[in-house]
PDB file of N, CA and C in Angstrom:
ATOM      1  N   MET A   1       9.655   6.102  21.215  1.00  0.00           N
ATOM      2  CA  MET A   1      10.002   7.317  20.467  1.00  0.00           C
ATOM      3  C   MET A   1      10.344   6.806  19.042  1.00  0.00           C
ATOM      4  N   ALA A   2      10.970   5.568  18.578  1.00  0.00           N
ATOM      5  CA  ALA A   2      11.258   5.190  17.479  1.00  0.00           C
ATOM      6  C   ALA A   2      10.114   5.054  16.571  1.00  0.00           C
ATOM      7  N   LEU A   3       8.889   4.383  17.126  1.00  0.00           N
ATOM      8  CA  LEU A   3       7.865   4.294  16.242  1.00  0.00           C
ATOM      9  C   LEU A   3       7.331   5.351  15.668  1.00  0.00           C
ATOM     10  N   GLU A   4       7.459   6.669  16.370  1.00  0.00           N
ATOM     11  CA  GLU A   4       7.115   7.711  15.802  1.00  0.00           C
ATOM     12  C   GLU A   4       7.680   8.223  14.348  1.00  0.00           C
ATOM     13  N   TRP A   5       8.938   7.998  14.463  1.00  0.00           N
ATOM     14  CA  TRP A   5       9.882   8.137  13.335  1.00  0.00           C
ATOM     15  C   TRP A   5       9.762   7.084  12.288  1.00  0.00           C
ATOM     16  N   VAL A   6       9.145   5.949  12.391  1.00  0.00           N
ATOM     17  CA  VAL A   6       8.963   4.890  11.706  1.00  0.00           C
ATOM     18  C   VAL A   6       7.702   5.016  10.988  1.00  0.00           C
ATOM     19  N   VAL A   7       6.722   5.762  11.695  1.00  0.00           N
ATOM     20  CA  VAL A   7       5.475   5.972  11.140  1.00  0.00           C
ATOM     21  C   VAL A   7       5.465   7.163  10.023  1.00  0.00           C
ATOM     22  N   LEU A   8       6.296   8.259  10.356  1.00  0.00           N
ATOM     23  CA  LEU A   8       6.854   9.253   9.651  1.00  0.00           C
ATOM     24  C   LEU A   8       7.440   9.142   8.530  1.00  0.00           C
ATOM     25  N   SER A   9       8.191   8.186   8.607  1.00  0.00           N
ATOM     26  CA  SER A   9       9.078   7.457   7.210  1.00  0.00           C
ATOM     27  C   SER A   9       8.159   6.746   6.394  1.00  0.00           C
ATOM     28  N   TYR A  10       7.217   5.910   6.750  1.00  0.00           N
ATOM     29  CA  TYR A  10       6.074   5.420   5.977  1.00  0.00           C
ATOM     30  C   TYR A  10       5.366   6.368   5.278  1.00  0.00           C
ATOM     31  N   ALA A  11       4.886   7.363   6.176  1.00  0.00           N
ATOM     32  CA  ALA A  11       4.052   8.152   5.640  1.00  0.00           C
ATOM     33  C   ALA A  11       4.602   9.168   4.263  1.00  0.00           C
ATOM     34  N   ALA A  12       6.062   9.477   4.482  1.00  0.00           N
ATOM     35  CA  ALA A  12       6.684  10.092   3.442  1.00  0.00           C
ATOM     36  C   ALA A  12       6.918   9.441   2.053  1.00  0.00           C
ATOM     37  N   GLY A  13       7.163   8.114   2.591  1.00  0.00           N
ATOM     38  CA  GLY A  13       7.146   7.139   1.609  1.00  0.00           C
ATOM     39  C   GLY A  13       5.987   7.024   0.690  1.00  0.00           C
ATOM     40  N   ALA A  14       5.008   6.582   1.398  1.00  0.00           N
ATOM     41  CA  ALA A  14       3.552   6.901   0.680  1.00  0.00           C
ATOM     42  C   ALA A  14       3.098   8.046  -0.118  1.00  0.00           C
ATOM     43  N   GLU A  15       3.445   9.001   0.352  1.00  0.00           N
ATOM     44  CA  GLU A  15       3.182  10.315  -0.310  1.00  0.00           C
ATOM     45  C   GLU A  15       4.089  10.591  -1.382  1.00  0.00           C
ATOM     46  N   ALA A  16       5.404   9.875  -1.334  1.00  0.00           N
ATOM     47  CA  ALA A  16       6.428  10.154  -2.500  1.00  0.00           C
ATOM     48  C   ALA A  16       5.733   9.113  -3.641  1.00  0.00           C
ATOM     49  N   ILE A  17       5.070   7.980  -3.335  1.00  0.00           N
ATOM     50  CA  ILE A  17       4.832   7.150  -4.330  1.00  0.00           C
ATOM     51  C   ILE A  17       3.577   7.472  -5.073  1.00  0.00           C
ATOM     52  N   MET A  18       2.448   8.110  -4.087  1.00  0.00           N
ATOM     53  CA  MET A  18       1.331   8.580  -4.795  1.00  0.00           C
ATOM     54  C   MET A  18       1.547   9.925  -5.574  1.00  0.00           C
ATOM     55  N   VAL A  19       2.799  10.526  -5.332  1.00  0.00           N
ATOM     56  CA  VAL A  19       3.077  11.876  -6.092  1.00  0.00           C
ATOM     57  C   VAL A  19       3.415  11.311  -7.418  1.00  0.00           C
ATOM     58  N   LEU A  20       4.379  10.436  -7.324  1.00  0.00           N
ATOM     59  CA  LEU A  20       4.967   9.581  -8.511  1.00  0.00           C
ATOM     60  C   LEU A  20       3.811   8.979  -9.449  1.00  0.00           C
ATOM     61  N   LEU A  21       2.941   8.140  -8.926  1.00  0.00           N
ATOM     62  CA  LEU A  21       1.900   7.666  -9.640  1.00  0.00           C
ATOM     63  C   LEU A  21       1.041   8.612 -10.160  1.00  0.00           C
ATOM     64  N   LEU A  22       0.636   9.810  -9.208  1.00  0.00           N
ATOM     65  CA  LEU A  22      -0.148  10.881 -10.180  1.00  0.00           C
ATOM     66  C   LEU A  22       0.302  11.523 -11.226  1.00  0.00           C
ATOM     67  N   THR A  23       1.706  11.468 -11.481  1.00  0.00           N
ATOM     68  CA  THR A  23       2.371  12.271 -12.385  1.00  0.00           C
ATOM     69  C   THR A  23       2.434  11.465 -13.746  1.00  0.00           C
ATOM     70  N   LEU A  24       2.511  10.068 -13.472  1.00  0.00           N
ATOM     71  CA  LEU A  24       2.150   9.413 -14.809  1.00  0.00           C
ATOM     72  C   LEU A  24       0.569   9.521 -15.115  1.00  0.00           C
ATOM     73  N   TYR A  25       0.617   9.650 -16.400  1.00  0.00           N
ATOM     74  CA  TYR A  25      -0.330   9.973 -17.357  1.00  0.00           C
ATOM     75  C   TYR A  25      -1.516   8.810 -17.277  1.00  0.00           C
ATOM     76  N   GLY A  26      -0.646   7.452 -17.580  1.00  0.00           N
ATOM     77  CA  GLY A  26      -1.827   6.581 -17.658  1.00  0.00           C
ATOM     78  C   GLY A  26      -2.597   5.770 -16.631  1.00  0.00           C
ATOM     79  N   LEU A  27      -1.972   6.160 -15.496  1.00  0.00           N
ATOM     80  CA  LEU A  27      -2.360   5.749 -14.251  1.00  0.00           C
ATOM     81  C   LEU A  27      -3.280   6.614 -13.700  1.00  0.00           C
ATOM     82  N   ARG A  28      -3.456   7.814 -14.148  1.00  0.00           N
ATOM     83  CA  ARG A  28      -4.274   9.078 -13.502  1.00  0.00           C
ATOM     84  C   ARG A  28      -5.663   8.671 -13.129  1.00  0.00           C
ATOM     85  N   LYS A  29      -6.528   8.113 -14.297  1.00  0.00           N
ATOM     86  CA  LYS A  29      -7.635   7.700 -14.394  1.00  0.00           C
ATOM     87  C   LYS A  29      -8.468   7.275 -13.002  1.00  0.00           C
ATOM     88  N   GLY A  30      -7.866   6.150 -12.527  1.00  0.00           N
ATOM     89  CA  GLY A  30      -8.312   5.417 -11.219  1.00  0.00           C
ATOM     90  C   GLY A  30      -7.764   6.058  -9.936  1.00  0.00           C
ATOM     91  N   LEU A  31      -6.724   6.775  -9.995  1.00  0.00           N
ATOM     92  CA  LEU A  31      -6.382   7.085  -8.728  1.00  0.00           C
ATOM     93  C   LEU A  31      -6.644   8.654  -8.376  1.00  0.00           C
ATOM     94  N   ILE A  32      -7.497   9.126  -9.011  1.00  0.00           N
ATOM     95  CA  ILE A  32      -7.777  10.534  -8.982  1.00  0.00           C
ATOM     96  C   ILE A  32      -8.849  10.089  -7.517  1.00  0.00           C
ATOM     97  N   ALA A  33      -9.852   9.237  -7.475  1.00  0.00           N
ATOM     98  CA  ALA A  33     -10.525   9.202  -6.291  1.00  0.00           C
ATOM     99  C   ALA A  33      -9.958   8.778  -5.270  1.00  0.00           C
ATOM    100  N   VAL A  34      -8.771   8.024  -5.253  1.00  0.00           N
ATOM    101  CA  VAL A  34      -8.123   7.290  -4.163  1.00  0.00           C
ATOM    102  C   VAL A  34      -7.416   8.480  -3.465  1.00  0.00           C
ATOM    103  N   THR A  35      -6.503   9.535  -4.408  1.00  0.00           N
ATOM    104  CA  THR A  35      -5.837  10.311  -3.818  1.00  0.00           C
ATOM    105  C   THR A  35      -6.643  11.207  -3.128  1.00  0.00           C
ATOM    106  N   ARG A  36      -7.924  11.609  -3.734  1.00  0.00           N
ATOM    107  CA  ARG A  36      -8.636  12.579  -2.686  1.00  0.00           C
ATOM    108  C   ARG A  36      -9.127  11.966  -1.756  1.00  0.00           C
ATOM    109  N   ASN A  37      -9.393  10.923  -1.452  1.00  0.00           N
ATOM    110  CA  ASN A  37      -9.860  10.390  -0.186  1.00  0.00           C
ATOM    111  C   ASN A  37      -8.749  10.292   0.763  1.00  0.00           C
ATOM    112  N   LEU A  38      -7.377   9.930   0.518  1.00  0.00           N
ATOM    113  CA  LEU A  38      -6.028   9.960   1.273  1.00  0.00           C
ATOM    114  C   LEU A  38      -5.856  11.365   1.573  1.00  0.00           C
ATOM    115  N   LEU A  39      -6.316  12.316   0.977  1.00  0.00           N
ATOM    116  CA  LEU A  39      -5.507  13.714   1.540  1.00  0.00           C
ATOM    117  C   LEU A  39      -5.867  14.141   2.936  1.00  0.00           C
ATOM    118  N   LYS A  40      -7.268  13.738   3.509  1.00  0.00           N
ATOM    119  CA  LYS A  40      -7.580  13.834   4.617  1.00  0.00           C
ATOM    120  C   LYS A  40      -6.857  13.243   5.634  1.00  0.00           C
ATOM    121  N   PRO A  41      -6.739  11.958   5.731  1.00  0.00           N
ATOM    122  CA  PRO A  41      -5.891  11.110   6.544  1.00  0.00           C
ATOM    123  C   PRO A  41      -4.464  11.635   6.365  1.00  0.00           C
ATOM    124  N   PHE A  42      -3.977  11.944   5.506  1.00  0.00           N
ATOM    125  CA  PHE A  42      -2.554  12.119   5.474  1.00  0.00           C
ATOM    126  C   PHE A  42      -2.263  13.634   6.029  1.00  0.00           C
ATOM    127  N   MET A  43      -3.349  14.414   6.142  1.00  0.00           N
ATOM    128  CA  MET A  43      -3.345  15.854   6.766  1.00  0.00           C
ATOM    129  C   MET A  43      -2.866  15.790   8.175  1.00  0.00           C
ATOM    130  N   THR A  44      -2.801  14.593   8.968  1.00  0.00           N
ATOM    131  CA  THR A  44      -2.426  14.277  10.257  1.00  0.00           C
ATOM    132  C   THR A  44      -0.903  14.444  10.416  1.00  0.00           C
ATOM    133  N   VAL A  45      -0.291  14.419   9.295  1.00  0.00           N
ATOM    134  CA  VAL A  45       1.141  14.478   9.296  1.00  0.00           C
ATOM    135  C   VAL A  45       1.614  15.783   9.648  1.00  0.00           C
ATOM    136  N   VAL A  46       1.087  16.875   9.256  1.00  0.00           N
ATOM    137  CA  VAL A  46       1.387  18.070   9.367  1.00  0.00           C
ATOM    138  C   VAL A  46       1.359  18.519  10.875  1.00  0.00           C
ATOM    139  N   PRO A  47       0.472  18.233  11.601  1.00  0.00           N
ATOM    140  CA  PRO A  47       0.687  18.478  13.304  1.00  0.00           C
ATOM    141  C   PRO A  47       1.542  17.697  13.859  1.00  0.00           C
ATOM    142  N   PHE A  48       1.544  16.316  13.160  1.00  0.00           N
ATOM    143  CA  PHE A  48       2.159  15.166  13.713  1.00  0.00           C
ATOM    144  C   PHE A  48       3.870  15.759  13.663  1.00  0.00           C
ATOM    145  N   SER A  49       4.265  16.178  12.686  1.00  0.00           N
ATOM    146  CA  SER A  49       5.523  16.572  12.343  1.00  0.00           C
ATOM    147  C   SER A  49       5.876  17.926  12.975  1.00  0.00           C
ATOM    148  N   LEU A  50       4.857  18.844  13.170  1.00  0.00           N
ATOM    149  CA  LEU A  50       5.194  19.994  14.102  1.00  0.00           C
ATOM    150  C   LEU A  50       5.556  19.803  15.408  1.00  0.00           C
ATOM    151  N   ILE A  51       4.708  18.392  16.084  1.00  0.00           N
ATOM    152  CA  ILE A  51       4.903  18.271  17.446  1.00  0.00           C
ATOM    153  C   ILE A  51       6.385  17.666  17.732  1.00  0.00           C
ATOM    154  N   LEU A  52       6.595  16.796  16.439  1.00  0.00           N
ATOM    155  CA  LEU A  52       8.092  16.082  16.743  1.00  0.00           C
ATOM    156  C   LEU A  52       9.145  17.352  16.327  1.00  0.00           C
ATOM    157  N   LEU A  53       8.938  18.252  15.667  1.00  0.00           N
ATOM    158  CA  LEU A  53       9.784  19.231  15.587  1.00  0.00           C
ATOM    159  C   LEU A  53      10.065  20.091  16.748  1.00  0.00           C
ATOM    160  N   ILE A  54       9.060  20.352  17.487  1.00  0.00           N
ATOM    161  CA  ILE A  54       9.087  21.021  19.042  1.00  0.00           C
ATOM    162  C   ILE A  54       9.882  19.974  19.736  1.00  0.00           C
ATOM    163  N   ASP A  55       9.722  18.992  19.725  1.00  0.00           N
ATOM    164  CA  ASP A  55      10.650  17.800  20.465  1.00  0.00           C
ATOM    165  C   ASP A  55      11.989  17.916  20.260  1.00  0.00           C
ATOM    166  N   ILE A  56      12.303  18.102  18.845  1.00  0.00           N
ATOM    167  CA  ILE A  56      13.662  18.153  18.604  1.00  0.00           C
ATOM    168  C   ILE A  56      14.252  19.458  19.192  1.00  0.00           C
ATOM    169  N   TYR A  57      13.488  20.450  18.887  1.00  0.00           N
ATOM    170  CA  TYR A  57      14.062  21.890  19.439  1.00  0.00           C
ATOM    171  C   TYR A  57      14.284  22.035  20.988  1.00  0.00           C
ATOM    172  N   TRP A  58      13.540  21.303  21.647  1.00  0.00           N
ATOM    173  CA  TRP A  58      13.621  20.902  23.240  1.00  0.00           C
ATOM    174  C   TRP A  58      15.008  20.310  23.445  1.00  0.00           C
ATOM    175  N   LYS A  59      15.223  19.187  22.469  1.00  0.00           N
ATOM    176  CA  LYS A  59      16.438  18.411  22.878  1.00  0.00           C
ATOM    177  C   LYS A  59      17.822  19.142  22.591  1.00  0.00           C
ATOM    178  N   TYR A  60      17.544  19.986  21.484  1.00  0.00           N
ATOM    179  CA  TYR A  60      18.697  20.745  21.022  1.00  0.00           C
ATOM    180  C   TYR A  60      18.922  21.953  21.874  1.00  0.00           C
ATOM    181  N   GLU A  61      17.699  22.400  22.285  1.00  0.00           N
ATOM    182  CA  GLU A  61      18.278  23.499  23.362  1.00  0.00           C
ATOM    183  C   GLU A  61      18.600  23.058  25.057  1.00  0.00           C
ATOM    184  N   THR A  62      18.319  22.108  25.126  1.00  0.00           N
ATOM    185  CA  THR A  62      18.503  21.480  26.797  1.00  0.00           C
ATOM    186  C   THR A  62      19.736  20.454  26.597  1.00  0.00           C
ATOM    187  N   PRO A  63      20.965  21.028  26.405  1.00  0.00           N
ATOM    188  CA  PRO A  63      22.339  20.023  26.501  1.00  0.00           C
ATOM    189  C   PRO A  63      22.441  19.677  27.745  1.00  0.00           C
ATOM    190  N   PRO A  64      23.230  18.496  28.003  1.00  0.00           N
ATOM    191  CA  PRO A  64      23.388  18.245  29.585  1.00  0.00           C
ATOM    192  C   PRO A  64      24.516  19.206  30.151  1.00  0.00           C
ATOM    193  N   SER A  65      24.050  19.224  31.368  1.00  0.00           N
ATOM    194  CA  SER A  65      25.058  20.219  32.121  1.00  0.00           C
ATOM    195  C   SER A  65      25.792  19.603  32.595  1.00  0.00           C
ATOM    196  N   CYS A  66      27.321  20.166  32.491  1.00  0.00           N
ATOM    197  CA  CYS A  66      28.452  19.244  33.081  1.00  0.00           C
ATOM    198  C   CYS A  66      29.040  20.696  34.104  1.00  0.00           C
ATOM    199  N   GLU A  67      29.223  20.339  35.478  1.00  0.00           N
ATOM    200  CA  GLU A  67      29.936  21.436  36.098  1.00  0.00           C
ATOM    201  C   GLU A  67      31.114  21.299  36.401  1.00  0.00           C
ATOM    202  N   ALA A  68      32.110  21.863  35.771  1.00  0.00           N
ATOM    203  CA  ALA A  68      33.654  21.804  36.106  1.00  0.00           C
ATOM    204  C   ALA A  68      34.088  20.598  35.666  1.00  0.00           C
ATOM    205  N   HIS A  69      34.095  20.256  34.684  1.00  0.00           N
ATOM    206  CA  HIS A  69      34.612  19.012  33.749  1.00  0.00           C
ATOM    207  C   HIS A  69      34.117  17.770  34.368  1.00  0.00           C
ATOM    208  N   SER A  70      32.879  17.573  34.581  1.00  0.00           N
ATOM    209  CA  SER A  70      32.559  16.370  35.369  1.00  0.00           C
ATOM    210  C   SER A  70      32.099  15.309  34.442  1.00  0.00           C
ATOM    211  N   CYS A  71      31.716  15.862  32.997  1.00  0.00           N
ATOM    212  CA  CYS A  71      31.134  14.862  32.094  1.00  0.00           C
ATOM    213  C   CYS A  71      32.236  14.177  31.653  1.00  0.00           C
ATOM    214  N   THR A  72      31.916  12.839  31.170  1.00  0.00           N
ATOM    215  CA  THR A  72      32.930  11.820  30.694  1.00  0.00           C
ATOM    216  C   THR A  72      32.721  12.058  29.259  1.00  0.00           C
ATOM    217  N   PRO A  73      33.851  11.469  28.474  1.00  0.00           N
ATOM    218  CA  PRO A  73      33.892  11.675  27.025  1.00  0.00           C
ATOM    219  C   PRO A  73      32.740  10.922  26.540  1.00  0.00           C
ATOM    220  N   PHE A  74      32.078   9.837  26.956  1.00  0.00           N
ATOM    221  CA  PHE A  74      31.053   8.830  26.789  1.00  0.00           C
ATOM    222  C   PHE A  74      29.633   9.848  26.869  1.00  0.00           C
ATOM    223  N   GLU A  75      29.736  10.813  27.817  1.00  0.00           N
ATOM    224  CA  GLU A  75      28.425  11.613  27.705  1.00  0.00           C
ATOM    225  C   GLU A  75      28.524  12.637  26.644  1.00  0.00           C
ATOM    226  N   HIS A  76      29.424  13.253  26.479  1.00  0.00           N
ATOM    227  CA  HIS A  76      29.792  14.096  25.311  1.00  0.00           C
ATOM    228  C   HIS A  76      29.438  13.378  23.807  1.00  0.00           C
ATOM    229  N   PHE A  77      29.922  12.025  23.824  1.00  0.00           N
ATOM    230  CA  PHE A  77      29.774  11.446  22.640  1.00  0.00           C
ATOM    231  C   PHE A  77      28.332  11.264  22.364  1.00  0.00           C
ATOM    232  N   ARG A  78      27.778  10.817  23.658  1.00  0.00           N
ATOM    233  CA  ARG A  78      26.173  10.520  23.612  1.00  0.00           C
ATOM    234  C   ARG A  78      25.450  11.827  23.233  1.00  0.00           C
ATOM    235  N   HIS A  79      25.886  12.924  23.517  1.00  0.00           N
ATOM    236  CA  HIS A  79      25.118  14.301  23.391  1.00  0.00           C
ATOM    237  C   HIS A  79      25.362  14.653  21.681  1.00  0.00           C
ATOM    238  N   GLN A  80      26.399  14.335  21.306  1.00  0.00           N
ATOM    239  CA  GLN A  80      26.636  14.714  19.939  1.00  0.00           C
ATOM    240  C   GLN A  80      26.049  13.786  18.970  1.00  0.00           C
ATOM    241  N   LYS A  81      25.700  12.440  19.165  1.00  0.00           N
ATOM    242  CA  LYS A  81      24.995  11.490  18.629  1.00  0.00           C
ATOM    243  C   LYS A  81      23.725  11.877  18.513  1.00  0.00           C
ATOM    244  N   SER A  82      23.023  12.642  19.895  1.00  0.00           N
ATOM    245  CA  SER A  82      21.817  12.736  19.946  1.00  0.00           C
ATOM    246  C   SER A  82      21.626  14.054  18.773  1.00  0.00           C
ATOM    247  N   ILE A  83      22.378  14.908  18.952  1.00  0.00           N
ATOM    248  CA  ILE A  83      22.296  15.895  17.889  1.00  0.00           C
ATOM    249  C   ILE A  83      22.344  15.770  16.576  1.00  0.00           C
ATOM    250  N   MET A  84      23.062  14.659  16.118  1.00  0.00           N
ATOM    251  CA  MET A  84      23.106  14.258  14.578  1.00  0.00           C
ATOM    252  C   MET A  84      21.895  13.551  14.417  1.00  0.00           C
ATOM    253  N   LYS A  85      21.157  12.713  15.391  1.00  0.00           N
ATOM    254  CA  LYS A  85      19.993  11.991  15.168  1.00  0.00           C
ATOM    255  C   LYS A  85      18.880  13.078  14.747  1.00  0.00           C
ATOM    256  N   CYS A  86      18.908  14.162  15.819  1.00  0.00           N
ATOM    257  CA  CYS A  86      17.972  15.219  15.609  1.00  0.00           C
ATOM    258  C   CYS A  86      18.239  15.896  14.091  1.00  0.00           C
ATOM    259  N   GLN A  87      19.184  15.951  13.699  1.00  0.00           N
ATOM    260  CA  GLN A  87      19.176  16.661  12.361  1.00  0.00           C
ATOM    261  C   GLN A  87      18.827  15.824  11.398  1.00  0.00           C
ATOM    262  N   HIS A  88      18.996  14.404  11.592  1.00  0.00           N
ATOM    263  CA  HIS A  88      18.506  13.466  10.472  1.00  0.00           C
ATOM    264  C   HIS A  88      16.980  13.530  10.703  1.00  0.00           C
ATOM    265  N   ASN A  89      16.329  13.474  11.813  1.00  0.00           N
ATOM    266  CA  ASN A  89      15.038  13.634  11.768  1.00  0.00           C
ATOM    267  C   ASN A  89      14.326  14.950  11.241  1.00  0.00           C
ATOM    268  N   THR A  90      14.991  16.189  11.403  1.00  0.00           N
ATOM    269  CA  THR A  90      14.535  17.249  10.973  1.00  0.00           C
ATOM    270  C   THR A  90      14.728  16.963   9.604  1.00  0.00           C
ATOM    271  N   LEU A  91      15.570  16.396   8.775  1.00  0.00           N
ATOM    272  CA  LEU A  91      15.325  16.498   7.360  1.00  0.00           C
ATOM    273  C   LEU A  91      14.305  15.557   7.048  1.00  0.00           C
ATOM    274  N   LEU A  92      14.075  14.698   7.833  1.00  0.00           N
ATOM    275  CA  LEU A  92      12.872  13.460   7.466  1.00  0.00           C
ATOM    276  C   LEU A  92      11.456  14.444   7.848  1.00  0.00           C
ATOM    277  N   ILE A  93      11.197  15.271   8.581  1.00  0.00           N
ATOM    278  CA  ILE A  93      10.416  16.177   8.685  1.00  0.00           C
ATOM    279  C   ILE A  93      10.029  16.896   7.562  1.00  0.00           C
ATOM    280  N   ALA A  94      11.037  17.807   7.192  1.00  0.00           N
ATOM    281  CA  ALA A  94      10.949  18.579   6.080  1.00  0.00           C
ATOM    282  C   ALA A  94      10.719  17.972   4.731  1.00  0.00           C
ATOM    283  N   ALA A  95      11.253  16.448   4.503  1.00  0.00           N
ATOM    284  CA  ALA A  95      10.999  16.055   3.425  1.00  0.00           C
ATOM    285  C   ALA A  95       9.260  15.466   3.796  1.00  0.00           C
ATOM    286  N   THR A  96       8.693  15.158   4.723  1.00  0.00           N
ATOM    287  CA  THR A  96       7.418  14.656   4.666  1.00  0.00           C
ATOM    288  C   THR A  96       6.607  15.854   4.397  1.00  0.00           C
ATOM    289  N   LEU A  97       7.087  17.026   5.117  1.00  0.00           N
ATOM    290  CA  LEU A  97       6.051  18.114   4.718  1.00  0.00           C
ATOM    291  C   LEU A  97       5.971  18.538   3.409  1.00  0.00           C
ATOM    292  N   LEU A  98       6.992  18.483   2.698  1.00  0.00           N
ATOM    293  CA  LEU A  98       7.383  18.873   1.254  1.00  0.00           C
ATOM    294  C   LEU A  98       6.550  17.849   0.273  1.00  0.00           C
ATOM    295  N   PHE A  99       6.330  16.509   0.779  1.00  0.00           N
ATOM    296  CA  PHE A  99       5.711  15.701  -0.114  1.00  0.00           C
ATOM    297  C   PHE A  99       4.325  15.821   0.270  1.00  0.00           C
ATOM    298  N   TYR A 100       3.739  16.034   1.472  1.00  0.00           N
ATOM    299  CA  TYR A 100       2.463  16.395   1.495  1.00  0.00           C
ATOM    300  C   TYR A 100       2.058  17.346   0.715  1.00  0.00           C
ATOM    301  N   TRP A 101       2.803  18.620   0.591  1.00  0.00           N
ATOM    302  CA  TRP A 101       2.613  19.891  -0.014  1.00  0.00           C
ATOM    303  C   TRP A 101       2.403  19.552  -1.542  1.00  0.00           C
ATOM    304  N   LEU A 102       3.314  18.789  -2.061  1.00  0.00           N
ATOM    305  CA  LEU A 102       3.500  18.140  -3.499  1.00  0.00           C
ATOM    306  C   LEU A 102       2.234  17.244  -3.754  1.00  0.00           C
ATOM    307  N   PHE A 103       1.960  16.463  -2.835  1.00  0.00           N
ATOM    308  CA  PHE A 103       0.708  15.419  -2.904  1.00  0.00           C
ATOM    309  C   PHE A 103      -0.536  16.238  -2.971  1.00  0.00           C
ATOM    310  N   TYR A 104      -0.716  17.185  -2.163  1.00  0.00           N
ATOM    311  CA  TYR A 104      -1.838  18.090  -2.298  1.00  0.00           C
ATOM    312  C   TYR A 104      -2.202  18.955  -3.636  1.00  0.00           C
ATOM    313  N   SER A 105      -0.636  19.616  -3.711  1.00  0.00           N
ATOM    314  CA  SER A 105      -1.137  20.341  -5.046  1.00  0.00           C
ATOM    315  C   SER A 105      -1.043  19.532  -6.121  1.00  0.00           C
ATOM    316  N   ILE A 106      -0.384  18.480  -6.726  1.00  0.00           N
ATOM    317  CA  ILE A 106      -0.802  17.781  -7.618  1.00  0.00           C
ATOM    318  C   ILE A 106      -1.883  17.000  -7.877  1.00  0.00           C
ATOM    319  N   THR A 107      -2.422  16.718  -6.868  1.00  0.00           N
ATOM    320  CA  THR A 107      -3.846  16.429  -6.732  1.00  0.00           C
ATOM    321  C   THR A 107      -5.049  17.222  -7.087  1.00  0.00           C
ATOM    322  N   HIS A 108      -4.748  18.456  -6.611  1.00  0.00           N
ATOM    323  CA  HIS A 108      -5.678  19.442  -6.855  1.00  0.00           C
ATOM    324  C   HIS A 108      -5.623  20.015  -8.119  1.00  0.00           C
ATOM    325  N   LEU A 109      -4.457  20.126  -8.932  1.00  0.00           N
ATOM    326  CA  LEU A 109      -4.125  20.282 -10.232  1.00  0.00           C
ATOM    327  C   LEU A 109      -5.013  19.236 -11.120  1.00  0.00           C
ATOM    328  N   VAL A 110      -4.579  18.012 -10.829  1.00  0.00           N
ATOM    329  CA  VAL A 110      -5.143  16.677 -11.657  1.00  0.00           C
ATOM    330  C   VAL A 110      -6.810  17.011 -11.645  1.00  0.00           C
ATOM    331  N   VAL A 111      -7.193  17.048 -10.462  1.00  0.00           N
ATOM    332  CA  VAL A 111      -8.830  17.357 -10.221  1.00  0.00           C
ATOM    333  C   VAL A 111      -9.206  18.401 -11.427  1.00  0.00           C
ATOM    334  N   THR A 112      -8.651  19.489 -11.100  1.00  0.00           N
ATOM    335  CA  THR A 112      -8.806  20.810 -12.045  1.00  0.00           C
ATOM    336  C   THR A 112      -8.989  20.632 -13.244  1.00  0.00           C
ATOM    337  N   VAL A 113      -7.804  19.752 -13.902  1.00  0.00           N
ATOM    338  CA  VAL A 113      -7.596  19.355 -15.276  1.00  0.00           C
ATOM    339  C   VAL A 113      -8.725  18.400 -15.828  1.00  0.00           C
ATOM    340  N   GLU A 114      -9.048  17.475 -14.785  1.00  0.00           N
ATOM    341  CA  GLU A 114     -10.196  16.664 -15.434  1.00  0.00           C
ATOM    342  C   GLU A 114     -11.414  17.259 -15.060  1.00  0.00           C
ATOM    343  N   GLN A 115     -11.619  18.465 -14.389  1.00  0.00           N
ATOM    344  CA  GLN A 115     -13.036  19.097 -14.359  1.00  0.00           C
ATOM    345  C   GLN A 115     -13.058  19.761 -15.913  1.00  0.00           C
ATOM    346  N   LEU A 116     -11.847  20.578 -16.109  1.00  0.00           N
ATOM    347  CA  LEU A 116     -11.996  21.332 -17.227  1.00  0.00           C
ATOM    348  C   LEU A 116     -11.995  20.474 -18.580  1.00  0.00           C
ATOM    349  N   ASN A 117     -11.557  19.393 -18.524  1.00  0.00           N
ATOM    350  CA  ASN A 117     -11.730  18.281 -19.695  1.00  0.00           C
ATOM    351  C   ASN A 117     -13.242  17.831 -19.657  1.00  0.00           C
ATOM    352  N   GLN A 118     -13.931  17.628 -18.579  1.00  0.00           N
ATOM    353  CA  GLN A 118     -14.988  17.249 -18.544  1.00  0.00           C
ATOM    354  C   GLN A 118     -15.993  18.450 -19.249  1.00  0.00           C
ATOM    355  N   ARG A 119     -15.737  19.677 -18.940  1.00  0.00           N
ATOM    356  CA  ARG A 119     -16.393  20.655 -19.381  1.00  0.00           C
ATOM    357  C   ARG A 119     -16.276  20.874 -20.828  1.00  0.00           C
ATOM    358  N   LEU A 120     -14.927  20.807 -21.228  1.00  0.00           N
ATOM    359  CA  LEU A 120     -14.503  21.067 -22.625  1.00  0.00           C
ATOM    360  C   LEU A 120     -15.519  19.897 -23.498  1.00  0.00           C
ATOM    361  N   GLU A 121     -15.510  18.552 -22.899  1.00  0.00           N
ATOM    362  CA  GLU A 121     -16.148  17.523 -23.512  1.00  0.00           C
ATOM    363  C   GLU A 121     -17.819  18.015 -23.841  1.00  0.00           C
ATOM    364  N   ARG A 122     -18.445  18.631 -22.657  1.00  0.00           N
ATOM    365  CA  ARG A 122     -19.840  18.933 -22.731  1.00  0.00           C
ATOM    366  C   ARG A 122     -20.081  20.048 -23.866  1.00  0.00           C
ATOM    367  N   LEU A 123     -19.324  20.963 -23.940  1.00  0.00           N
ATOM    368  CA  LEU A 123     -18.962  22.042 -24.543  1.00  0.00           C
ATOM    369  C   LEU A 123     -19.028  21.307 -26.374  1.00  0.00           C
ATOM    370  N   LYS A 124     -18.343  20.504 -26.205  1.00  0.00           N
ATOM    371  CA  LYS A 124     -18.159  19.872 -27.977  1.00  0.00           C
ATOM    372  C   LYS A 124     -19.396  19.457 -28.375  1.00  0.00           C
ATOM    373  N   ASN A 125     -19.848  18.354 -27.226  1.00  0.00           N
ATOM    374  CA  ASN A 125     -21.089  17.756 -27.183  1.00  0.00           C
ATOM    375  C   ASN A 125     -22.202  18.454 -27.720  1.00  0.00           C
ATOM    376  N   CYS A 126     -22.180  19.856 -27.074  1.00  0.00           N
ATOM    377  CA  CYS A 126     -23.549  20.732 -27.481  1.00  0.00           C
ATOM    378  C   CYS A 126     -23.386  21.321 -28.481  1.00  0.00           C
ATOM    379  N   ASP A 127     -22.466  21.571 -29.358  1.00  0.00           N
ATOM    380  CA  ASP A 127     -22.133  21.892 -30.431  1.00  0.00           C
ATOM    381  C   ASP A 127     -22.639  20.874 -31.476  1.00  0.00           C
TER     382      ASP A 127
END
């Protein structure tokens, strides 16, 4: 289970780095083609995050059943630790989805600006 969270963390980090690089004007020229090609593979983050979110919901809704104070303090502590991990992982999922949305939006805007600049150059050359 830990491998899934590591993959999601690396994906969020890669998305954040690409968003940062796309916002820097000087590096934008070479990155447009790379980021457009990376959008489709990074799209797999969305269903993967949703599956992990369902897993978190399942863990949160099925607490350990203790009958007549039969749970030990260790079991209660373990359950509380699991809830804290779920909350941490939920924030990771939200960050990953937010970074993907930013990555997609900024890439789309940069491509649109690039196309408009090319049109403007053609119009200037025609006159």
